[in-house]
């Protein structure tokens, strides 16, 4: 069994622990994980969360002397990226975690390291998903879509075909993005929004159709979105 931990002991982190358990239940098909506990800079070291300890914060991960898989269960793309950039330990790896009932096409699907795909998702064909992406419960991704690193998609999001989403985009529950739209780096799409036209980088967009209502001061360097990593279930 491979040792694994989760950074983030909040609600989503506990849901990712459930995902690990569900993968372990399908022994004949997937590798098994030995869950060791949580890391979280916002919680006291030694605190118990659903029977498992908080083992420390991000800096503690740099002192681990044996191989450890890590999933960063943080929804905010900017915070998620900053945590990963603090970890320089070569003993830390970032597996792809996919719920056993996820449907994924066999033709040209690429998924980057550290990506978490929860139950009920459907990913079709000719799709590239970057590193450390979160696809929460019941998301669908249509053909020829490209998703950049560190993006986070909350439950029940529908992405139609030929969509390009740059780095660090956050998409709220129940949002929809139609065919051939582009979403710029660092943009936030509000809950239930319907993206019918391309959105610029660094904005917050809400409504039906989605319209920018404000712009942020900074955006990630999201000029490269295609992941070269091939899909692996670990």
Protein backbone atom coordinates (compact mmCIF):
# COMPACT_ATOMS: atom_id res chain seq x y z
CA UNK A 1 0.00 0.00 0.00
CA UNK A 2 1.22 3.48 -0.85
CA UNK A 3 1.28 6.13 1.87
CA UNK A 4 -0.92 9.13 1.16
CA UNK A 5 -1.87 12.34 2.97
CA UNK A 6 -4.16 15.26 2.26
CA UNK A 7 -3.30 18.93 2.60
CA UNK A 8 -6.48 20.62 3.82
CA UNK A 9 -8.53 19.18 6.68
CA UNK A 10 -11.68 21.16 5.92
CA UNK A 11 -14.85 19.90 4.29
CA UNK A 12 -13.41 19.11 0.89
CA UNK A 13 -10.35 17.46 2.43
CA UNK A 14 -12.63 15.12 4.35
CA UNK A 15 -14.52 14.36 1.13
CA UNK A 16 -11.24 13.50 -0.58
CA UNK A 17 -10.52 11.09 2.28
CA UNK A 18 -13.89 9.46 1.45
CA UNK A 19 -12.79 9.23 -2.19
CA UNK A 20 -9.61 7.42 -1.10
CA UNK A 21 -11.72 4.99 0.92
CA UNK A 22 -13.99 4.31 -2.05
CA UNK A 23 -10.99 3.61 -4.30
CA UNK A 24 -9.62 1.23 -1.69
CA UNK A 25 -12.90 -0.67 -1.68
CA UNK A 26 -12.40 -1.63 -5.35
CA UNK A 27 -9.32 -3.76 -4.59
CA UNK A 28 -9.32 -5.71 -7.82
CA UNK A 29 -9.14 -2.66 -10.08
CA UNK A 30 -7.22 0.11 -8.33
CA UNK A 31 -4.14 0.49 -6.17
CA UNK A 32 -4.74 0.74 -2.46
CA UNK A 33 -3.76 3.72 -0.34
CA UNK A 34 -2.57 3.85 3.27
CA UNK A 35 -4.01 7.13 4.53
CA UNK A 36 -1.72 8.71 7.16
CA UNK A 37 -3.51 11.95 7.99
CA UNK A 38 -3.88 15.62 7.12
CA UNK A 39 -1.59 18.60 6.75
CA UNK A 40 -3.09 22.03 7.36
CA UNK A 41 -1.41 25.29 8.35
CA UNK A 42 -4.68 26.50 9.83
CA UNK A 43 -5.02 23.69 12.38
CA UNK A 44 -2.99 22.71 15.42
CA UNK A 45 -0.59 19.83 14.88
CA UNK A 46 -1.88 16.71 16.60
CA UNK A 47 -5.56 17.62 16.33
CA UNK A 48 -7.74 14.68 15.32
CA UNK A 49 -10.07 15.01 12.33
CA UNK A 50 -12.51 12.13 11.92
CA UNK A 51 -10.07 9.85 13.66
CA UNK A 52 -6.92 10.93 11.78
CA UNK A 53 -4.23 13.38 12.94
CA UNK A 54 -3.18 16.74 11.59
CA UNK A 55 0.48 16.01 10.93
CA UNK A 56 1.65 19.59 10.48
CA UNK A 57 1.72 22.27 7.82
CA UNK A 58 3.29 22.74 4.41
CA UNK A 59 6.80 23.17 5.78
CA UNK A 60 6.55 19.86 7.65
CA UNK A 61 6.12 18.14 4.30
CA UNK A 62 9.61 19.27 3.33
CA UNK A 63 11.15 17.19 6.14
CA UNK A 64 9.55 13.86 5.18
CA UNK A 65 12.32 11.33 4.48
CA UNK A 66 10.32 8.59 2.76
CA UNK A 67 7.97 8.56 -0.24
CA UNK A 68 4.56 10.10 0.41
CA UNK A 69 1.73 10.84 -2.01
CA UNK A 70 -0.09 14.11 -1.38
CA UNK A 71 -3.37 15.59 -2.55
CA UNK A 72 -3.98 19.31 -2.06
CA UNK A 73 -7.69 19.60 -1.26
CA UNK A 74 -8.00 23.38 -1.44
CA UNK A 75 -10.64 24.95 -3.67
CA UNK A 76 -9.11 28.42 -4.04
CA UNK A 77 -6.73 28.14 -7.03
CA UNK A 78 -4.36 30.88 -5.85
CA UNK A 79 -4.03 29.40 -2.37
CA UNK A 80 -3.67 25.89 -3.80
CA UNK A 81 -0.81 26.99 -6.06
CA UNK A 82 0.97 28.86 -3.25
CA UNK A 83 0.89 25.75 -1.04
CA UNK A 84 2.32 23.51 -3.76
CA UNK A 85 5.07 26.02 -4.47
CA UNK A 86 6.18 25.81 -0.81
CA UNK A 87 6.79 22.06 -1.11
CA UNK A 88 10.28 21.28 -2.45
CA UNK A 89 10.70 17.74 -1.11
CA UNK A 90 11.40 15.19 -3.85
CA UNK A 91 9.86 12.50 -1.65
CA UNK A 92 6.44 14.09 -2.20
CA UNK A 93 4.47 12.98 -5.26
CA UNK A 94 1.08 14.07 -6.55
CA UNK A 95 -1.10 11.22 -7.83
CA UNK A 96 -4.16 11.52 -10.01
CA UNK A 97 -7.18 10.45 -7.96
CA UNK A 98 -10.29 9.37 -9.86
CA UNK A 99 -13.49 7.99 -8.37
CA UNK A 100 -14.24 4.46 -9.65
CA UNK A 101 -17.57 5.48 -11.23
CA UNK A 102 -16.14 8.34 -13.32
CA UNK A 103 -16.63 7.86 -17.07
CA UNK A 104 -13.58 8.78 -19.15
CA UNK A 105 -13.16 8.36 -22.90
CA UNK A 106 -10.26 6.29 -24.16
CA UNK A 107 -9.34 8.63 -27.03
CA UNK A 108 -6.73 11.31 -26.30
CA UNK A 109 -7.53 12.21 -22.70
CA UNK A 110 -4.64 13.72 -20.72
CA UNK A 111 -4.72 14.51 -17.00
CA UNK A 112 -1.96 16.26 -15.05
CA UNK A 113 -0.53 15.26 -11.69
CA UNK A 114 -2.40 16.04 -8.50
CA UNK A 115 -5.79 16.27 -10.18
CA UNK A 116 -8.83 15.10 -8.20
CA UNK A 117 -11.92 13.85 -10.06
CA UNK A 118 -14.90 13.11 -7.84
CA UNK A 119 -17.89 10.78 -8.24
CA UNK A 120 -20.31 11.21 -11.11
CA UNK A 121 -18.03 13.10 -13.51
CA UNK A 122 -18.06 12.44 -17.25
CA UNK A 123 -15.02 13.28 -19.40
CA UNK A 124 -15.42 12.49 -23.09
CA UNK A 125 -12.69 12.61 -25.78
CA UNK A 126 -9.73 14.75 -26.88
CA UNK A 127 -9.50 16.53 -23.56
CA UNK A 128 -6.47 17.94 -21.75
CA UNK A 129 -6.69 18.66 -18.02
CA UNK A 130 -3.73 20.32 -16.31
CA UNK A 131 -2.05 19.77 -12.95
CA UNK A 132 -3.79 20.09 -9.58
CA UNK A 133 -7.27 20.52 -11.03
CA UNK A 134 -10.37 19.75 -8.95
CA UNK A 135 -13.49 18.36 -10.61
CA UNK A 136 -16.05 18.08 -7.85
CA UNK A 137 -19.16 15.89 -7.86
CA UNK A 138 -21.09 15.45 -11.11
CA UNK A 139 -19.11 17.65 -13.52
CA UNK A 140 -19.16 16.99 -17.29
CA UNK A 141 -16.51 17.97 -19.84
CA UNK A 142 -17.20 17.83 -23.57
CA UNK A 143 -14.88 17.05 -26.47
CA UNK A 144 -11.79 19.08 -27.40
CA UNK A 145 -11.67 21.00 -24.13
CA UNK A 146 -8.44 22.26 -22.58
CA UNK A 147 -8.21 23.10 -18.87
CA UNK A 148 -5.16 24.78 -17.36
CA UNK A 149 -3.35 24.06 -14.11
CA UNK A 150 -4.83 24.75 -10.64
CA UNK A 151 -8.41 25.23 -11.83
CA UNK A 152 -11.24 24.30 -9.46
CA UNK A 153 -14.74 23.27 -10.53
CA UNK A 154 -17.43 22.91 -7.90
CA UNK A 155 -20.28 20.35 -8.17
CA UNK A 156 -22.55 19.94 -11.21
CA UNK A 157 -20.64 22.10 -13.70
CA UNK A 158 -21.21 21.47 -17.42
CA UNK A 159 -18.48 22.35 -19.92
CA UNK A 160 -19.44 21.95 -23.57
CA UNK A 161 -17.05 21.06 -26.38
CA UNK A 162 -14.09 23.08 -27.68
CA UNK A 163 -13.74 25.19 -24.55
CA UNK A 164 -10.39 26.60 -23.41
CA UNK A 165 -9.97 27.46 -19.73
CA UNK A 166 -6.70 29.04 -18.65
CA UNK A 167 -4.79 28.61 -15.38
CA UNK A 168 -6.33 29.24 -11.98
CA UNK A 169 -10.00 29.55 -12.91
CA UNK A 170 -12.60 28.95 -10.19
CA UNK A 171 -16.07 27.88 -11.28
CA UNK A 172 -19.00 27.90 -8.84
CA UNK A 173 -21.60 25.18 -8.36
CA UNK A 174 -23.96 24.57 -11.26
CA UNK A 175 -22.27 26.89 -13.76
CA UNK A 176 -22.31 26.13 -17.49
CA UNK A 177 -19.83 27.02 -20.24
CA UNK A 178 -21.01 26.70 -23.85
CA UNK A 179 -19.11 25.52 -26.94
CA UNK A 180 -16.00 27.36 -28.13
CA UNK A 181 -15.85 29.80 -25.22
CA UNK A 182 -12.52 30.83 -23.66
CA UNK A 183 -12.08 31.71 -19.98
CA UNK A 184 -9.04 33.81 -19.11
CA UNK A 185 -6.54 33.02 -16.35
CA UNK A 186 -7.59 33.70 -12.78
CA UNK A 187 -11.24 34.33 -13.57
CA UNK A 188 -14.02 33.43 -11.12
CA UNK A 189 -17.33 32.20 -12.53
CA UNK A 190 -20.20 32.54 -10.08
CA UNK A 191 -22.60 29.85 -8.95
CA UNK A 192 -25.20 29.04 -11.59
CA UNK A 193 -23.69 31.39 -14.20
CA UNK A 194 -24.06 30.55 -17.89
CA UNK A 195 -21.01 31.48 -19.95
CA UNK A 196 -22.23 32.14 -23.49
CA UNK A 197 -19.28 34.31 -24.60
CA UNK A 198 -15.58 34.26 -23.82
CA UNK A 199 -14.49 35.88 -20.57
CA UNK A 200 -11.30 37.92 -20.05
CA UNK A 201 -8.63 37.06 -17.51
CA UNK A 202 -8.81 38.15 -13.90
CA UNK A 203 -12.51 38.93 -13.62
CA UNK A 204 -15.48 37.74 -11.61
CA UNK A 205 -18.42 36.93 -13.86
CA UNK A 206 -21.98 36.18 -12.78
CA UNK A 207 -25.45 35.86 -14.29
CA UNK A 208 -27.18 34.38 -17.31
CA UNK A 209 -25.49 35.18 -19.60
CA UNK A 210 -22.35 35.61 -17.47
CA UNK A 211 -20.97 39.15 -17.40
CA UNK A 212 -17.86 40.49 -15.64
CA UNK A 213 -18.80 42.47 -12.55
CA UNK A 214 -15.28 43.21 -11.28
CA UNK A 215 -11.63 42.69 -12.11
CA UNK A 216 -8.87 41.42 -9.83
CA UNK A 217 -5.46 43.02 -9.34
CA UNK A 218 -3.44 39.94 -10.24
CA UNK A 219 -3.86 36.88 -12.42
CA UNK A 220 -1.65 33.78 -12.78
CA UNK A 221 0.67 33.33 -15.74
CA UNK A 222 -1.82 31.25 -17.67
CA UNK A 223 -0.54 31.45 -21.23
CA UNK A 224 0.00 27.70 -21.45
CA UNK A 225 -2.90 25.39 -20.76
CA UNK A 226 -2.25 22.02 -22.37
CA UNK A 227 -1.00 19.28 -20.08
CA UNK A 228 1.50 16.79 -21.51
CA UNK A 229 0.80 14.25 -18.79
CA UNK A 230 -1.13 11.17 -19.80
CA UNK A 231 -3.92 9.83 -17.67
CA UNK A 232 -2.99 7.44 -14.88
CA UNK A 233 -5.15 6.01 -12.13
CA UNK A 234 -3.06 5.43 -9.02
